């Protein structure tokens, strides 16, 4: 059974900001990016029924345990941060890989 994909509020803000930036480059790019994020999230939701994939986000903060990172199809410099919660795949953040995400804390995922 495929997990339900849920986008957190910070992830929704990330998508809006990235979309706004991409809109300065091309009229088609924001929608192409949103479609790629959705396609990647659906892939993660299907695969996570059988195995857990992605790089484990390393943090000393216990609230950040079990967060995984996966590259977005077609946008390899952008990353999805997600966590599996029972029958839900929760997208926590969507960020460019050049961001200082290694030092993110619980507050950055709320």
C-alpha atoms as a PDB file:
ATOM      1  CA  UNK A   1       0.000   0.000   0.000  1.00  0.00           C
ATOM      2  CA  UNK A   2       1.404   3.369  -1.006  1.00  0.00           C
ATOM      3  CA  UNK A   3       1.828   5.831   1.819  1.00  0.00           C
ATOM      4  CA  UNK A   4      -0.088   9.115   1.850  1.00  0.00           C
ATOM      5  CA  UNK A   5       2.144  12.085   1.068  1.00  0.00           C
ATOM      6  CA  UNK A   6       1.729  15.128   3.326  1.00  0.00           C
ATOM      7  CA  UNK A   7       3.641  18.392   2.922  1.00  0.00           C
ATOM      8  CA  UNK A   8       4.459  20.227   6.150  1.00  0.00           C
ATOM      9  CA  UNK A   9       3.915  23.964   6.375  1.00  0.00           C
ATOM     10  CA  UNK A  10       7.680  24.702   6.068  1.00  0.00           C
ATOM     11  CA  UNK A  11       7.846  22.476   2.959  1.00  0.00           C
ATOM     12  CA  UNK A  12       4.941  24.376   1.412  1.00  0.00           C
ATOM     13  CA  UNK A  13       6.743  27.660   2.090  1.00  0.00           C
ATOM     14  CA  UNK A  14       9.935  26.216   0.562  1.00  0.00           C
ATOM     15  CA  UNK A  15       8.042  25.222  -2.589  1.00  0.00           C
ATOM     16  CA  UNK A  16       6.541  28.695  -2.900  1.00  0.00           C
ATOM     17  CA  UNK A  17       9.888  30.417  -2.483  1.00  0.00           C
ATOM     18  CA  UNK A  18      11.672  28.120  -4.926  1.00  0.00           C
ATOM     19  CA  UNK A  19       8.798  28.499  -7.394  1.00  0.00           C
ATOM     20  CA  UNK A  20       9.002  32.298  -7.119  1.00  0.00           C
ATOM     21  CA  UNK A  21      12.725  32.170  -7.802  1.00  0.00           C
ATOM     22  CA  UNK A  22      12.299  29.837 -10.771  1.00  0.00           C
ATOM     23  CA  UNK A  23       9.585  32.137 -12.168  1.00  0.00           C
ATOM     24  CA  UNK A  24      12.253  34.815 -12.635  1.00  0.00           C
ATOM     25  CA  UNK A  25      14.062  32.390 -14.965  1.00  0.00           C
ATOM     26  CA  UNK A  26      11.209  30.835 -16.940  1.00  0.00           C
ATOM     27  CA  UNK A  27       7.408  30.717 -16.984  1.00  0.00           C
ATOM     28  CA  UNK A  28       7.458  26.909 -17.243  1.00  0.00           C
ATOM     29  CA  UNK A  29      10.144  26.136 -14.666  1.00  0.00           C
ATOM     30  CA  UNK A  30       8.041  26.532 -11.474  1.00  0.00           C
ATOM     31  CA  UNK A  31       5.451  24.000 -12.651  1.00  0.00           C
ATOM     32  CA  UNK A  32       8.148  21.643 -13.896  1.00  0.00           C
ATOM     33  CA  UNK A  33       9.773  21.811 -10.452  1.00  0.00           C
ATOM     34  CA  UNK A  34       6.487  21.208  -8.577  1.00  0.00           C
ATOM     35  CA  UNK A  35       5.753  18.241 -10.846  1.00  0.00           C
ATOM     36  CA  UNK A  36       9.252  16.830 -10.188  1.00  0.00           C
ATOM     37  CA  UNK A  37       8.814  17.208  -6.416  1.00  0.00           C
ATOM     38  CA  UNK A  38       5.437  15.469  -6.576  1.00  0.00           C
ATOM     39  CA  UNK A  39       6.807  12.661  -8.763  1.00  0.00           C
ATOM     40  CA  UNK A  40       9.746  12.159  -6.390  1.00  0.00           C
ATOM     41  CA  UNK A  41       7.463  12.208  -3.329  1.00  0.00           C
ATOM     42  CA  UNK A  42       5.161   9.609  -4.913  1.00  0.00           C
ATOM     43  CA  UNK A  43       8.193   7.433  -5.678  1.00  0.00           C
ATOM     44  CA  UNK A  44       9.335   7.680  -2.047  1.00  0.00           C
ATOM     45  CA  UNK A  45       5.821   6.835  -0.855  1.00  0.00           C
ATOM     46  CA  UNK A  46       5.742   3.672  -2.991  1.00  0.00           C
ATOM     47  CA  UNK A  47       9.279   2.507  -2.218  1.00  0.00           C
ATOM     48  CA  UNK A  48       8.998   3.169   1.513  1.00  0.00           C
ATOM     49  CA  UNK A  49       6.494   0.318   1.782  1.00  0.00           C
ATOM     50  CA  UNK A  50       9.325  -2.110   1.083  1.00  0.00           C
ATOM     51  CA  UNK A  51      12.464  -0.360   2.268  1.00  0.00           C
ATOM     52  CA  UNK A  52      13.748   2.933   3.588  1.00  0.00           C
ATOM     53  CA  UNK A  53      15.861   4.868   1.131  1.00  0.00           C
ATOM     54  CA  UNK A  54      17.714   8.120   1.287  1.00  0.00           C
ATOM     55  CA  UNK A  55      20.539   9.439   3.345  1.00  0.00           C
ATOM     56  CA  UNK A  56      19.876   9.625   7.062  1.00  0.00           C
ATOM     57  CA  UNK A  57      19.949  13.225   8.316  1.00  0.00           C
ATOM     58  CA  UNK A  58      22.539  13.292  11.079  1.00  0.00           C
ATOM     59  CA  UNK A  59      21.702  15.394  14.107  1.00  0.00           C
ATOM     60  CA  UNK A  60      22.307  15.386  17.839  1.00  0.00           C
ATOM     61  CA  UNK A  61      18.736  16.612  18.292  1.00  0.00           C
ATOM     62  CA  UNK A  62      16.532  13.588  19.147  1.00  0.00           C
ATOM     63  CA  UNK A  63      13.551  15.316  17.509  1.00  0.00           C
ATOM     64  CA  UNK A  64      15.386  15.102  14.173  1.00  0.00           C
ATOM     65  CA  UNK A  65      15.851  11.342  14.222  1.00  0.00           C
ATOM     66  CA  UNK A  66      14.575   9.282  11.298  1.00  0.00           C
ATOM     67  CA  UNK A  67      14.650  12.205   8.870  1.00  0.00           C
ATOM     68  CA  UNK A  68      15.910  11.147   5.462  1.00  0.00           C
ATOM     69  CA  UNK A  69      17.163  13.129   2.473  1.00  0.00           C
ATOM     70  CA  UNK A  70      16.549  12.356  -1.207  1.00  0.00           C
ATOM     71  CA  UNK A  71      17.389  14.266  -4.397  1.00  0.00           C
ATOM     72  CA  UNK A  72      14.557  15.539  -6.569  1.00  0.00           C
ATOM     73  CA  UNK A  73      14.293  13.869  -9.972  1.00  0.00           C
ATOM     74  CA  UNK A  74      15.417  16.323 -12.654  1.00  0.00           C
ATOM     75  CA  UNK A  75      16.625  18.859 -10.057  1.00  0.00           C
ATOM     76  CA  UNK A  76      19.583  17.031  -8.463  1.00  0.00           C
ATOM     77  CA  UNK A  77      20.714  20.070  -6.475  1.00  0.00           C
ATOM     78  CA  UNK A  78      17.398  20.220  -4.630  1.00  0.00           C
ATOM     79  CA  UNK A  79      16.651  17.914  -1.722  1.00  0.00           C
ATOM     80  CA  UNK A  80      13.532  16.535  -0.084  1.00  0.00           C
ATOM     81  CA  UNK A  81      13.733  16.016   3.672  1.00  0.00           C
ATOM     82  CA  UNK A  82      11.166  13.449   4.735  1.00  0.00           C
ATOM     83  CA  UNK A  83      10.092  11.180   7.545  1.00  0.00           C
ATOM     84  CA  UNK A  84       7.920   8.083   7.479  1.00  0.00           C
ATOM     85  CA  UNK A  85       5.154   8.241  10.080  1.00  0.00           C
ATOM     86  CA  UNK A  86       3.062   5.041  10.034  1.00  0.00           C
ATOM     87  CA  UNK A  87       1.072   5.200   6.769  1.00  0.00           C
ATOM     88  CA  UNK A  88       2.260   8.734   5.925  1.00  0.00           C
ATOM     89  CA  UNK A  89       5.315  10.043   4.141  1.00  0.00           C
ATOM     90  CA  UNK A  90       5.733  13.553   5.555  1.00  0.00           C
ATOM     91  CA  UNK A  91       7.729  15.994   3.437  1.00  0.00           C
ATOM     92  CA  UNK A  92       9.384  18.222   6.039  1.00  0.00           C
ATOM     93  CA  UNK A  93      11.455  20.564   3.860  1.00  0.00           C
ATOM     94  CA  UNK A  94      12.478  21.086   0.228  1.00  0.00           C
ATOM     95  CA  UNK A  95      15.828  22.867   0.000  1.00  0.00           C
ATOM     96  CA  UNK A  96      18.691  23.587  -2.348  1.00  0.00           C
ATOM     97  CA  UNK A  97      21.692  21.418  -1.490  1.00  0.00           C
ATOM     98  CA  UNK A  98      23.968  24.435  -1.051  1.00  0.00           C
ATOM     99  CA  UNK A  99      22.017  25.522   2.040  1.00  0.00           C
ATOM    100  CA  UNK A 100      23.626  24.879   5.425  1.00  0.00           C
ATOM    101  CA  UNK A 101      21.191  22.082   6.213  1.00  0.00           C
ATOM    102  CA  UNK A 102      23.704  20.062   8.242  1.00  0.00           C
ATOM    103  CA  UNK A 103      23.158  22.440  11.160  1.00  0.00           C
ATOM    104  CA  UNK A 104      19.376  22.419  11.041  1.00  0.00           C
ATOM    105  CA  UNK A 105      17.537  21.756  14.277  1.00  0.00           C
ATOM    106  CA  UNK A 106      14.024  20.713  15.260  1.00  0.00           C
ATOM    107  CA  UNK A 107      12.771  24.310  14.852  1.00  0.00           C
ATOM    108  CA  UNK A 108      13.793  24.295  11.187  1.00  0.00           C
ATOM    109  CA  UNK A 109      11.430  21.385  10.499  1.00  0.00           C
ATOM    110  CA  UNK A 110       8.335  22.728  12.304  1.00  0.00           C
END
